[in-house]
């Protein structure tokens, strides 16, 4: 009965605090904290300062900026553990993806809008909601949680960050018994899941050259190979006729038991009615445990600037999502070898590595995993399932290497069916935000020693 009363108090406090949570989340969204190269630095620094101020107001008096060499600062703070209690490190990030209204947003992405129980704006879900979940769970305990707490809010998760080197050089700052990574979510709002795997990501740039200068397509077309046509032929070999990745030797992990509903996937992905889904096997495996490859950029003349010439040079950026347990350097080498082997007509090519980040398989079965499952079940009043995630969080493996005995909990308020993270009209469900605040607070309570 004691636990039930405590859990009831946590739910009541979370509900009472939601008006502030909603208002403060809207305030964070107003900062266009895009950390990509070429974007203004001022809004990113302003967002870092706003995060420190917010955490202090919600009970983390030790919140402060820590300098990260070569990049934007991280936000960090600690609350010492009561005697005999474990320490939990809670992670989120304050930087966001770029966004412009002309990309297809219904409203300005930096002016938060509340409608139909959701908050719209860039970063509403990914990952300023994570900051609010961390802050609100601390406020539930008046800044005196039953466990030791460390908070880490990164400023460069969405771009090529610099935090990894800092973690490797200062592992004591991150020593803990469990990490809570609040940068994930459920397939649909109201249906709780624990994320247990993440795919990794590696990428390369391929440049094709066939001529030393552009020439008239009528006078020279036929015998002389066009570099863009050559590049297209190479890229077309990345998939077979069914849409499966055709790069030999890539690793595929076994998928979990949870199936990703096709109706939710089609709705959230925006696949046009009548267009086939590609690949074979369970949808969940295609998304979470098998490789996928995407051409994310091409350097070639635009349609508006087209002229009757043979193109001497063309280039493409190729991104490969890899299975959670795969070695990113091995997988990238296989991709680059495939591109070289597929090059026709003895064209000159140059391939260079752009990125190589590991996936992650969460250690499971320990006390933190059990507490997280129980906390989710109580908060949602529904059975909890386990799922994978197709995206990547490169810092996960770095943290695991720094603190190899710590457990990991991945969750968040990003419901896959509607949040549209990285896309237009990003949003977060206010009810989902409240449930995650309850779950995270319950987790801290369950991890703490009885008082």
Foldseek 3Di string as FASTA:
>chain_A
DVLVVVLVLLLVLLVVCLVVLVVLLLVLLLQQLAFDPPDDNVSVVVSLVSLQVLLCVLQQVQWDWDDFPPGDTKIKGKDAADPPFWEEEEEAASHFFDDQVVQPFPDGQNRWDDDPQKIWHTCQVRPSLSSSLVSLLCSSVPNHFLGIYMYIYHRAQPHPDRVLVVCVVCLVSLATQEYEYAGAAAQAPLAAAWAFWEWWKWKKKKKWFQDPDKDFCVVDNDPGAFRVVLVVQLVVQQADPQGAGRLPPADFDDFDPDARDPVLVCQLVVDDPPDDDGDDDGPQSVQATAKHKDFPDKDDDDPVPDDRIRHGMMMTMMMMTGGQQDFQVVNVVSVVVSSVVSRPPPIDMDMDIDDGAHMHGFDDDDPLNVQLQVLLCVLSVDHYYYGHGRHGRRCPVSSCVSHVNHGYTYHHQQHSSPQNGVHHGGMGRSSSSSSSSSSVSSSSVSSGDDD
